[in-house]
Structures are given as C-alpha cells and as structure tokens.
Amino acid sequence: MDTVLDNKIDKAVKHAPLYMVIIHNDDVNTFQWVIACILKIFHTEYEEAVQLTHQVHNEGKAVCRVEPFEPAELHRDQLRSLHLSATMEAE
C-alpha cells in the first residue's frame, strides 16, 4: 500500500470536524414520545434515553450524539421529522 496516501487518509479522518446533535425542550412533546424517538433514531439503551429526556426537560437541551457531519445531519433531520426540536452544532 501507499504509505503517503495512508497517512493522508489517517490525518483526514482524525481531523474531520464533529457535530453535536442536540434535542431542545418544547411544550408539545411528551416524555414518552421523546424517549421513543431517541430509542428509534439512536438505538440507545432505555436508561440512556430516559436520562437524555430528563436533561432536555431540566436543562432545556441535551446532546444526543457527537459525530461527523453527514450522520449528524441525518439524525437531526430524523428527529425533526418526528416533530422534535433538534439542531446540530460544530463541536
């Protein structure tokens, strides 16, 4: 294999910017609905989904995942399609 190319790929992967997928509190969605959405989209354990939902409720928002742009954008859009208030921000 080409060592120079491998090093460039390694550097690109290590330096790819990461984005936070954030759910924001609202007055519309129930606890159970937010938990169900987190489980469906992020495939977390139930306890983690409950913890994130409590954080959204108590602190106004919660970071659900930190990941590269494309998956973060997909997850944000999936949350929005389920009528949750979601954004993504660079880490």
PDB file of N, CA and C in Angstrom:
ATOM      1  N   MET A   1       0.834  -1.185   0.000  1.00  0.00           N
ATOM      2  CA  MET A   1       0.000   0.000   0.000  1.00  0.00           C
ATOM      3  C   MET A   1       0.879   1.248   0.000  1.00  0.00           C
ATOM      4  N   ASP A   2       0.297   2.334  -0.381  1.00  0.00           N
ATOM      5  CA  ASP A   2       0.994   3.618  -0.451  1.00  0.00           C
ATOM      6  C   ASP A   2       0.967   4.272   0.930  1.00  0.00           C
ATOM      7  N   THR A   3       2.118   4.339   1.567  1.00  0.00           N
ATOM      8  CA  THR A   3       2.216   4.891   2.918  1.00  0.00           C
ATOM      9  C   THR A   3       1.839   6.365   2.964  1.00  0.00           C
ATOM     10  N   VAL A   4       2.213   7.126   1.962  1.00  0.00           N
ATOM     11  CA  VAL A   4       1.881   8.553   1.921  1.00  0.00           C
ATOM     12  C   VAL A   4       0.369   8.721   1.859  1.00  0.00           C
ATOM     13  N   LEU A   5      -0.286   7.948   1.009  1.00  0.00           N
ATOM     14  CA  LEU A   5      -1.739   8.026   0.891  1.00  0.00           C
ATOM     15  C   LEU A   5      -2.401   7.591   2.194  1.00  0.00           C
ATOM     16  N   ASP A   6      -1.895   6.523   2.804  1.00  0.00           N
ATOM     17  CA  ASP A   6      -2.442   6.063   4.080  1.00  0.00           C
ATOM     18  C   ASP A   6      -2.337   7.138   5.146  1.00  0.00           C
ATOM     19  N   ASN A   7      -1.208   7.835   5.206  1.00  0.00           N
ATOM     20  CA  ASN A   7      -1.027   8.910   6.183  1.00  0.00           C
ATOM     21  C   ASN A   7      -1.990  10.056   5.932  1.00  0.00           C
ATOM     22  N   LYS A   8      -2.223  10.403   4.672  1.00  0.00           N
ATOM     23  CA  LYS A   8      -3.174  11.471   4.349  1.00  0.00           C
ATOM     24  C   LYS A   8      -4.588  11.083   4.757  1.00  0.00           C
ATOM     25  N   ILE A   9      -4.949   9.839   4.515  1.00  0.00           N
ATOM     26  CA  ILE A   9      -6.279   9.369   4.895  1.00  0.00           C
ATOM     27  C   ILE A   9      -6.423   9.387   6.410  1.00  0.00           C
ATOM     28  N   ASP A  10      -5.400   8.911   7.119  1.00  0.00           N
ATOM     29  CA  ASP A  10      -5.433   8.918   8.580  1.00  0.00           C
ATOM     30  C   ASP A  10      -5.604  10.332   9.125  1.00  0.00           C
ATOM     31  N   LYS A  11      -4.879  11.292   8.574  1.00  0.00           N
ATOM     32  CA  LYS A  11      -4.984  12.679   9.020  1.00  0.00           C
ATOM     33  C   LYS A  11      -6.363  13.243   8.726  1.00  0.00           C
ATOM     34  N   ALA A  12      -6.909  12.937   7.561  1.00  0.00           N
ATOM     35  CA  ALA A  12      -8.247  13.442   7.192  1.00  0.00           C
ATOM     36  C   ALA A  12      -9.291  12.889   8.137  1.00  0.00           C
ATOM     37  N   VAL A  13      -9.190  11.614   8.481  1.00  0.00           N
ATOM     38  CA  VAL A  13     -10.155  11.002   9.387  1.00  0.00           C
ATOM     39  C   VAL A  13     -10.011  11.584  10.790  1.00  0.00           C
ATOM     40  N   LYS A  14      -8.794  11.757  11.261  1.00  0.00           N
ATOM     41  CA  LYS A  14      -8.558  12.283  12.607  1.00  0.00           C
ATOM     42  C   LYS A  14      -8.998  13.735  12.731  1.00  0.00           C
ATOM     43  N   HIS A  15      -8.957  14.491  11.653  1.00  0.00           N
ATOM     44  CA  HIS A  15      -9.261  15.906  11.718  1.00  0.00           C
ATOM     45  C   HIS A  15     -10.634  16.258  11.164  1.00  0.00           C
ATOM     46  N   ALA A  16     -11.437  15.255  10.838  1.00  0.00           N
ATOM     47  CA  ALA A  16     -12.791  15.529  10.366  1.00  0.00           C
ATOM     48  C   ALA A  16     -13.558  16.208  11.495  1.00  0.00           C
ATOM     49  N   PRO A  17     -14.196  17.334  11.209  1.00  0.00           N
ATOM     50  CA  PRO A  17     -14.927  18.027  12.272  1.00  0.00           C
ATOM     51  C   PRO A  17     -16.105  17.198  12.760  1.00  0.00           C
ATOM     52  N   LEU A  18     -16.402  17.327  14.028  1.00  0.00           N
ATOM     53  CA  LEU A  18     -17.518  16.611  14.624  1.00  0.00           C
ATOM     54  C   LEU A  18     -18.632  17.597  14.966  1.00  0.00           C
ATOM     55  N   TYR A  19     -19.850  17.089  14.961  1.00  0.00           N
ATOM     56  CA  TYR A  19     -21.028  17.912  15.212  1.00  0.00           C
ATOM     57  C   TYR A  19     -21.871  17.282  16.310  1.00  0.00           C
ATOM     58  N   MET A  20     -22.418  18.132  17.159  1.00  0.00           N
ATOM     59  CA  MET A  20     -23.303  17.691  18.225  1.00  0.00           C
ATOM     60  C   MET A  20     -24.734  17.701  17.711  1.00  0.00           C
ATOM     61  N   VAL A  21     -25.447  16.620  17.922  1.00  0.00           N
ATOM     62  CA  VAL A  21     -26.877  16.556  17.621  1.00  0.00           C
ATOM     63  C   VAL A  21     -27.591  16.865  18.927  1.00  0.00           C
ATOM     64  N   ILE A  22     -28.388  17.924  18.912  1.00  0.00           N
ATOM     65  CA  ILE A  22     -28.986  18.457  20.143  1.00  0.00           C
ATOM     66  C   ILE A  22     -30.507  18.431  20.032  1.00  0.00           C
ATOM     67  N   ILE A  23     -31.152  17.896  21.057  1.00  0.00           N
ATOM     68  CA  ILE A  23     -32.608  17.995  21.174  1.00  0.00           C
ATOM     69  C   ILE A  23     -32.909  19.126  22.149  1.00  0.00           C
ATOM     70  N   HIS A  24     -33.871  19.976  21.772  1.00  0.00           N
ATOM     71  CA  HIS A  24     -34.273  21.113  22.604  1.00  0.00           C
ATOM     72  C   HIS A  24     -35.640  20.850  23.222  1.00  0.00           C
ATOM     73  N   ASN A  25     -35.841  21.390  24.404  1.00  0.00           N
ATOM     74  CA  ASN A  25     -37.115  21.251  25.094  1.00  0.00           C
ATOM     75  C   ASN A  25     -38.208  22.010  24.348  1.00  0.00           C
ATOM     76  N   ASP A  26     -39.410  21.486  24.419  1.00  0.00           N
ATOM     77  CA  ASP A  26     -40.575  22.201  23.883  1.00  0.00           C
ATOM     78  C   ASP A  26     -41.773  21.896  24.766  1.00  0.00           C
ATOM     79  N   ASP A  27     -42.872  22.563  24.490  1.00  0.00           N
ATOM     80  CA  ASP A  27     -44.089  22.370  25.285  1.00  0.00           C
ATOM     81  C   ASP A  27     -45.078  21.433  24.606  1.00  0.00           C
ATOM     82  N   VAL A  28     -44.627  20.719  23.578  1.00  0.00           N
ATOM     83  CA  VAL A  28     -45.530  19.907  22.769  1.00  0.00           C
ATOM     84  C   VAL A  28     -45.334  18.414  23.018  1.00  0.00           C
ATOM     85  N   ASN A  29     -44.106  17.957  22.963  1.00  0.00           N
ATOM     86  CA  ASN A  29     -43.823  16.524  23.006  1.00  0.00           C
ATOM     87  C   ASN A  29     -43.772  15.992  24.434  1.00  0.00           C
ATOM     88  N   THR A  30     -44.328  14.796  24.612  1.00  0.00           N
ATOM     89  CA  THR A  30     -44.344  14.160  25.929  1.00  0.00           C
ATOM     90  C   THR A  30     -43.013  13.466  26.198  1.00  0.00           C
ATOM     91  N   PHE A  31     -42.775  13.174  27.477  1.00  0.00           N
ATOM     92  CA  PHE A  31     -41.568  12.432  27.859  1.00  0.00           C
ATOM     93  C   PHE A  31     -41.493  11.119  27.087  1.00  0.00           C
ATOM     94  N   GLN A  32     -42.602  10.381  27.072  1.00  0.00           N
ATOM     95  CA  GLN A  32     -42.594   9.069  26.433  1.00  0.00           C
ATOM     96  C   GLN A  32     -42.296   9.172  24.946  1.00  0.00           C
ATOM     97  N   TRP A  33     -42.802  10.209  24.292  1.00  0.00           N
ATOM     98  CA  TRP A  33     -42.540  10.387  22.865  1.00  0.00           C
ATOM     99  C   TRP A  33     -41.056  10.688  22.616  1.00  0.00           C
ATOM    100  N   VAL A  34     -40.470  11.551  23.421  1.00  0.00           N
ATOM    101  CA  VAL A  34     -39.055  11.887  23.255  1.00  0.00           C
ATOM    102  C   VAL A  34     -38.196  10.646  23.498  1.00  0.00           C
ATOM    103  N   ILE A  35     -38.518   9.888  24.533  1.00  0.00           N
ATOM    104  CA  ILE A  35     -37.790   8.646  24.799  1.00  0.00           C
ATOM    105  C   ILE A  35     -37.896   7.705  23.606  1.00  0.00           C
ATOM    106  N   ALA A  36     -39.093   7.531  23.081  1.00  0.00           N
ATOM    107  CA  ALA A  36     -39.303   6.629  21.937  1.00  0.00           C
ATOM    108  C   ALA A  36     -38.504   7.087  20.719  1.00  0.00           C
ATOM    109  N   CYS A  37     -38.450   8.399  20.477  1.00  0.00           N
ATOM    110  CA  CYS A  37     -37.707   8.930  19.335  1.00  0.00           C
ATOM    111  C   CYS A  37     -36.206   8.691  19.490  1.00  0.00           C
ATOM    112  N   ILE A  38     -35.694   8.905  20.689  1.00  0.00           N
ATOM    113  CA  ILE A  38     -34.264   8.671  20.941  1.00  0.00           C
ATOM    114  C   ILE A  38     -33.936   7.194  20.730  1.00  0.00           C
ATOM    115  N   LEU A  39     -34.789   6.322  21.241  1.00  0.00           N
ATOM    116  CA  LEU A  39     -34.572   4.882  21.060  1.00  0.00           C
ATOM    117  C   LEU A  39     -34.583   4.505  19.589  1.00  0.00           C
ATOM    118  N   LYS A  40     -35.535   5.050  18.863  1.00  0.00           N
ATOM    119  CA  LYS A  40     -35.682   4.705  17.440  1.00  0.00           C
ATOM    120  C   LYS A  40     -34.501   5.198  16.602  1.00  0.00           C
ATOM    121  N   ILE A  41     -34.073   6.416  16.837  1.00  0.00           N
ATOM    122  CA  ILE A  41     -33.055   7.030  15.972  1.00  0.00           C
ATOM    123  C   ILE A  41     -31.641   6.650  16.393  1.00  0.00           C
ATOM    124  N   PHE A  42     -31.371   6.665  17.693  1.00  0.00           N
ATOM    125  CA  PHE A  42     -30.000   6.443  18.153  1.00  0.00           C
ATOM    126  C   PHE A  42     -29.745   5.021  18.659  1.00  0.00           C
ATOM    127  N   HIS A  43     -30.794   4.221  18.805  1.00  0.00           N
ATOM    128  CA  HIS A  43     -30.663   2.828  19.259  1.00  0.00           C
ATOM    129  C   HIS A  43     -29.907   2.735  20.588  1.00  0.00           C
ATOM    130  N   THR A  44     -30.234   3.645  21.493  1.00  0.00           N
ATOM    131  CA  THR A  44     -29.593   3.656  22.807  1.00  0.00           C
ATOM    132  C   THR A  44     -30.295   2.655  23.725  1.00  0.00           C
ATOM    133  N   GLU A  45     -29.710   2.448  24.879  1.00  0.00           N
ATOM    134  CA  GLU A  45     -30.385   1.690  25.933  1.00  0.00           C
ATOM    135  C   GLU A  45     -31.510   2.579  26.480  1.00  0.00           C
ATOM    136  N   TYR A  46     -32.557   1.955  27.013  1.00  0.00           N
ATOM    137  CA  TYR A  46     -33.701   2.694  27.531  1.00  0.00           C
ATOM    138  C   TYR A  46     -33.274   3.704  28.593  1.00  0.00           C
ATOM    139  N   GLU A  47     -32.383   3.294  29.494  1.00  0.00           N
ATOM    140  CA  GLU A  47     -31.950   4.171  30.580  1.00  0.00           C
ATOM    141  C   GLU A  47     -31.263   5.427  30.054  1.00  0.00           C
ATOM    142  N   GLU A  48     -30.480   5.286  29.002  1.00  0.00           N
ATOM    143  CA  GLU A  48     -29.824   6.457  28.412  1.00  0.00           C
ATOM    144  C   GLU A  48     -30.845   7.395  27.779  1.00  0.00           C
ATOM    145  N   ALA A  49     -31.846   6.825  27.118  1.00  0.00           N
ATOM    146  CA  ALA A  49     -32.898   7.648  26.517  1.00  0.00           C
ATOM    147  C   ALA A  49     -33.657   8.422  27.591  1.00  0.00           C
ATOM    148  N   VAL A  50     -33.931   7.786  28.707  1.00  0.00           N
ATOM    149  CA  VAL A  50     -34.616   8.453  29.821  1.00  0.00           C
ATOM    150  C   VAL A  50     -33.742   9.566  30.373  1.00  0.00           C
ATOM    151  N   GLN A  51     -32.458   9.284  30.562  1.00  0.00           N
ATOM    152  CA  GLN A  51     -31.526  10.286  31.089  1.00  0.00           C
ATOM    153  C   GLN A  51     -31.451  11.497  30.150  1.00  0.00           C
ATOM    154  N   LEU A  52     -31.348  11.266  28.854  1.00  0.00           N
ATOM    155  CA  LEU A  52     -31.289  12.370  27.899  1.00  0.00           C
ATOM    156  C   LEU A  52     -32.585  13.183  27.923  1.00  0.00           C
ATOM    157  N   THR A  53     -33.709  12.489  28.024  1.00  0.00           N
ATOM    158  CA  THR A  53     -35.004  13.180  28.064  1.00  0.00           C
ATOM    159  C   THR A  53     -35.118  14.053  29.308  1.00  0.00           C
ATOM    160  N   HIS A  54     -34.673  13.553  30.440  1.00  0.00           N
ATOM    161  CA  HIS A  54     -34.671  14.374  31.662  1.00  0.00           C
ATOM    162  C   HIS A  54     -33.758  15.585  31.501  1.00  0.00           C
ATOM    163  N   GLN A  55     -32.620  15.397  30.862  1.00  0.00           N
ATOM    164  CA  GLN A  55     -31.709  16.522  30.633  1.00  0.00           C
ATOM    165  C   GLN A  55     -32.361  17.571  29.740  1.00  0.00           C
ATOM    166  N   VAL A  56     -33.049  17.130  28.697  1.00  0.00           N
ATOM    167  CA  VAL A  56     -33.768  18.069  27.822  1.00  0.00           C
ATOM    168  C   VAL A  56     -34.779  18.854  28.643  1.00  0.00           C
ATOM    169  N   HIS A  57     -35.542  18.161  29.461  1.00  0.00           N
ATOM    170  CA  HIS A  57     -36.587  18.802  30.258  1.00  0.00           C
ATOM    171  C   HIS A  57     -36.007  19.755  31.300  1.00  0.00           C
ATOM    172  N   ASN A  58     -34.967  19.328  31.996  1.00  0.00           N
ATOM    173  CA  ASN A  58     -34.427  20.114  33.109  1.00  0.00           C
ATOM    174  C   ASN A  58     -33.476  21.226  32.683  1.00  0.00           C
ATOM    175  N   GLU A  59     -32.705  20.986  31.624  1.00  0.00           N
ATOM    176  CA  GLU A  59     -31.687  21.957  31.211  1.00  0.00           C
ATOM    177  C   GLU A  59     -32.046  22.680  29.908  1.00  0.00           C
ATOM    178  N   GLY A  60     -33.121  22.260  29.269  1.00  0.00           N
ATOM    179  CA  GLY A  60     -33.556  22.919  28.040  1.00  0.00           C
ATOM    180  C   GLY A  60     -33.009  22.295  26.771  1.00  0.00           C
ATOM    181  N   LYS A  61     -31.998  21.442  26.904  1.00  0.00           N
ATOM    182  CA  LYS A  61     -31.445  20.758  25.739  1.00  0.00           C
ATOM    183  C   LYS A  61     -30.523  19.644  26.206  1.00  0.00           C
ATOM    184  N   ALA A  62     -30.226  18.732  25.271  1.00  0.00           N
ATOM    185  CA  ALA A  62     -29.282  17.654  25.563  1.00  0.00           C
ATOM    186  C   ALA A  62     -28.574  17.256  24.276  1.00  0.00           C
ATOM    187  N   VAL A  63     -27.290  16.990  24.399  1.00  0.00           N
ATOM    188  CA  VAL A  63     -26.507  16.485  23.268  1.00  0.00           C
ATOM    189  C   VAL A  63     -26.706  14.977  23.226  1.00  0.00           C
ATOM    190  N   CYS A  64     -27.301  14.512  22.137  1.00  0.00           N
ATOM    191  CA  CYS A  64     -27.589  13.086  21.999  1.00  0.00           C
ATOM    192  C   CYS A  64     -26.439  12.311  21.386  1.00  0.00           C
ATOM    193  N   ARG A  65     -25.701  12.974  20.523  1.00  0.00           N
ATOM    194  CA  ARG A  65     -24.617  12.281  19.817  1.00  0.00           C
ATOM    195  C   ARG A  65     -23.631  13.307  19.300  1.00  0.00           C
ATOM    196  N   VAL A  66     -22.361  12.946  19.227  1.00  0.00           N
ATOM    197  CA  VAL A  66     -21.319  13.754  18.599  1.00  0.00           C
ATOM    198  C   VAL A  66     -20.736  12.882  17.501  1.00  0.00           C
ATOM    199  N   GLU A  67     -20.813  13.384  16.263  1.00  0.00           N
ATOM    200  CA  GLU A  67     -20.440  12.555  15.115  1.00  0.00           C
ATOM    201  C   GLU A  67     -20.104  13.427  13.920  1.00  0.00           C
ATOM    202  N   PRO A  68     -19.584  12.830  12.853  1.00  0.00           N
ATOM    203  CA  PRO A  68     -19.277  13.604  11.641  1.00  0.00           C
ATOM    204  C   PRO A  68     -20.532  14.242  11.043  1.00  0.00           C
ATOM    205  N   PHE A  69     -20.318  15.170  10.126  1.00  0.00           N
ATOM    206  CA  PHE A  69     -21.394  15.999   9.589  1.00  0.00           C
ATOM    207  C   PHE A  69     -22.565  15.193   9.024  1.00  0.00           C
ATOM    208  N   GLU A  70     -22.285  14.256   8.115  1.00  0.00           N
ATOM    209  CA  GLU A  70     -23.369  13.573   7.418  1.00  0.00           C
ATOM    210  C   GLU A  70     -24.293  12.792   8.353  1.00  0.00           C
ATOM    211  N   PRO A  71     -23.751  11.963   9.259  1.00  0.00           N
ATOM    212  CA  PRO A  71     -24.673  11.286  10.173  1.00  0.00           C
ATOM    213  C   PRO A  71     -25.369  12.256  11.128  1.00  0.00           C
ATOM    214  N   ALA A  72     -24.681  13.311  11.540  1.00  0.00           N
ATOM    215  CA  ALA A  72     -25.312  14.300  12.423  1.00  0.00           C
ATOM    216  C   ALA A  72     -26.482  14.977  11.717  1.00  0.00           C
ATOM    217  N   GLU A  73     -26.282  15.323  10.461  1.00  0.00           N
ATOM    218  CA  GLU A  73     -27.349  15.959   9.681  1.00  0.00           C
ATOM    219  C   GLU A  73     -28.540  15.009   9.518  1.00  0.00           C
ATOM    220  N   LEU A  74     -28.242  13.745   9.235  1.00  0.00           N
ATOM    221  CA  LEU A  74     -29.301  12.746   9.093  1.00  0.00           C
ATOM    222  C   LEU A  74     -30.085  12.603  10.396  1.00  0.00           C
ATOM    223  N   HIS A  75     -29.376  12.470  11.510  1.00  0.00           N
ATOM    224  CA  HIS A  75     -30.056  12.301  12.790  1.00  0.00           C
ATOM    225  C   HIS A  75     -30.879  13.532  13.166  1.00  0.00           C
ATOM    226  N   ARG A  76     -30.334  14.713  12.919  1.00  0.00           N
ATOM    227  CA  ARG A  76     -31.100  15.942  13.181  1.00  0.00           C
ATOM    228  C   ARG A  76     -32.387  15.951  12.363  1.00  0.00           C
ATOM    229  N   ASP A  77     -32.263  15.612  11.083  1.00  0.00           N
ATOM    230  CA  ASP A  77     -33.438  15.604  10.206  1.00  0.00           C
ATOM    231  C   ASP A  77     -34.447  14.532  10.622  1.00  0.00           C
ATOM    232  N   GLN A  78     -33.966  13.388  11.061  1.00  0.00           N
ATOM    233  CA  GLN A  78     -34.874  12.336  11.538  1.00  0.00           C
ATOM    234  C   GLN A  78     -35.634  12.798  12.781  1.00  0.00           C
ATOM    235  N   LEU A  79     -34.939  13.462  13.696  1.00  0.00           N
ATOM    236  CA  LEU A  79     -35.611  13.993  14.886  1.00  0.00           C
ATOM    237  C   LEU A  79     -36.664  15.020  14.495  1.00  0.00           C
ATOM    238  N   ARG A  80     -36.321  15.891  13.583  1.00  0.00           N
ATOM    239  CA  ARG A  80     -37.271  16.910  13.131  1.00  0.00           C
ATOM    240  C   ARG A  80     -38.470  16.281  12.437  1.00  0.00           C
ATOM    241  N   SER A  81     -38.248  15.198  11.693  1.00  0.00           N
ATOM    242  CA  SER A  81     -39.361  14.538  11.009  1.00  0.00           C
ATOM    243  C   SER A  81     -40.347  13.938  12.009  1.00  0.00           C
ATOM    244  N   LEU A  82     -39.884  13.713  13.231  1.00  0.00           N
ATOM    245  CA  LEU A  82     -40.746  13.210  14.304  1.00  0.00           C
ATOM    246  C   LEU A  82     -41.256  14.352  15.182  1.00  0.00           C
ATOM    247  N   HIS A  83     -41.102  15.569  14.688  1.00  0.00           N
ATOM    248  CA  HIS A  83     -41.633  16.789  15.320  1.00  0.00           C
ATOM    249  C   HIS A  83     -40.920  17.177  16.604  1.00  0.00           C
ATOM    250  N   LEU A  84     -39.652  16.766  16.744  1.00  0.00           N
ATOM    251  CA  LEU A  84     -38.844  17.243  17.859  1.00  0.00           C
ATOM    252  C   LEU A  84     -38.040  18.455  17.408  1.00  0.00           C
ATOM    253  N   SER A  85     -37.739  19.312  18.339  1.00  0.00           N
ATOM    254  CA  SER A  85     -36.893  20.466  18.055  1.00  0.00           C
ATOM    255  C   SER A  85     -35.447  20.007  18.172  1.00  0.00           C
ATOM    256  N   ALA A  86     -34.743  19.976  17.049  1.00  0.00           N
ATOM    257  CA  ALA A  86     -33.365  19.459  17.044  1.00  0.00           C
ATOM    258  C   ALA A  86     -32.472  20.342  16.176  1.00  0.00           C
ATOM    259  N   THR A  87     -31.240  20.471  16.626  1.00  0.00           N
ATOM    260  CA  THR A  87     -30.244  21.227  15.875  1.00  0.00           C
ATOM    261  C   THR A  87     -28.940  20.432  15.883  1.00  0.00           C
ATOM    262  N   MET A  88     -27.974  20.950  15.098  1.00  0.00           N
ATOM    263  CA  MET A  88     -26.625  20.399  15.175  1.00  0.00           C
ATOM    264  C   MET A  88     -25.657  21.565  15.202  1.00  0.00           C
ATOM    265  N   GLU A  89     -24.597  21.413  15.975  1.00  0.00           N
ATOM    266  CA  GLU A  89     -23.593  22.454  16.122  1.00  0.00           C
ATOM    267  C   GLU A  89     -22.224  21.808  16.051  1.00  0.00           C
ATOM    268  N   ALA A  90     -21.276  22.546  15.480  1.00  0.00           N
ATOM    269  CA  ALA A  90     -19.900  22.056  15.456  1.00  0.00           C
ATOM    270  C   ALA A  90     -19.397  21.925  16.891  1.00  0.00           C
ATOM    271  N   GLU A  91     -18.632  20.890  17.135  1.00  0.00           N
ATOM    272  CA  GLU A  91     -18.097  20.664  18.470  1.00  0.00           C
ATOM    273  C   GLU A  91     -17.002  21.658  18.795  1.00  0.00           C
TER     274      GLU A  91
END
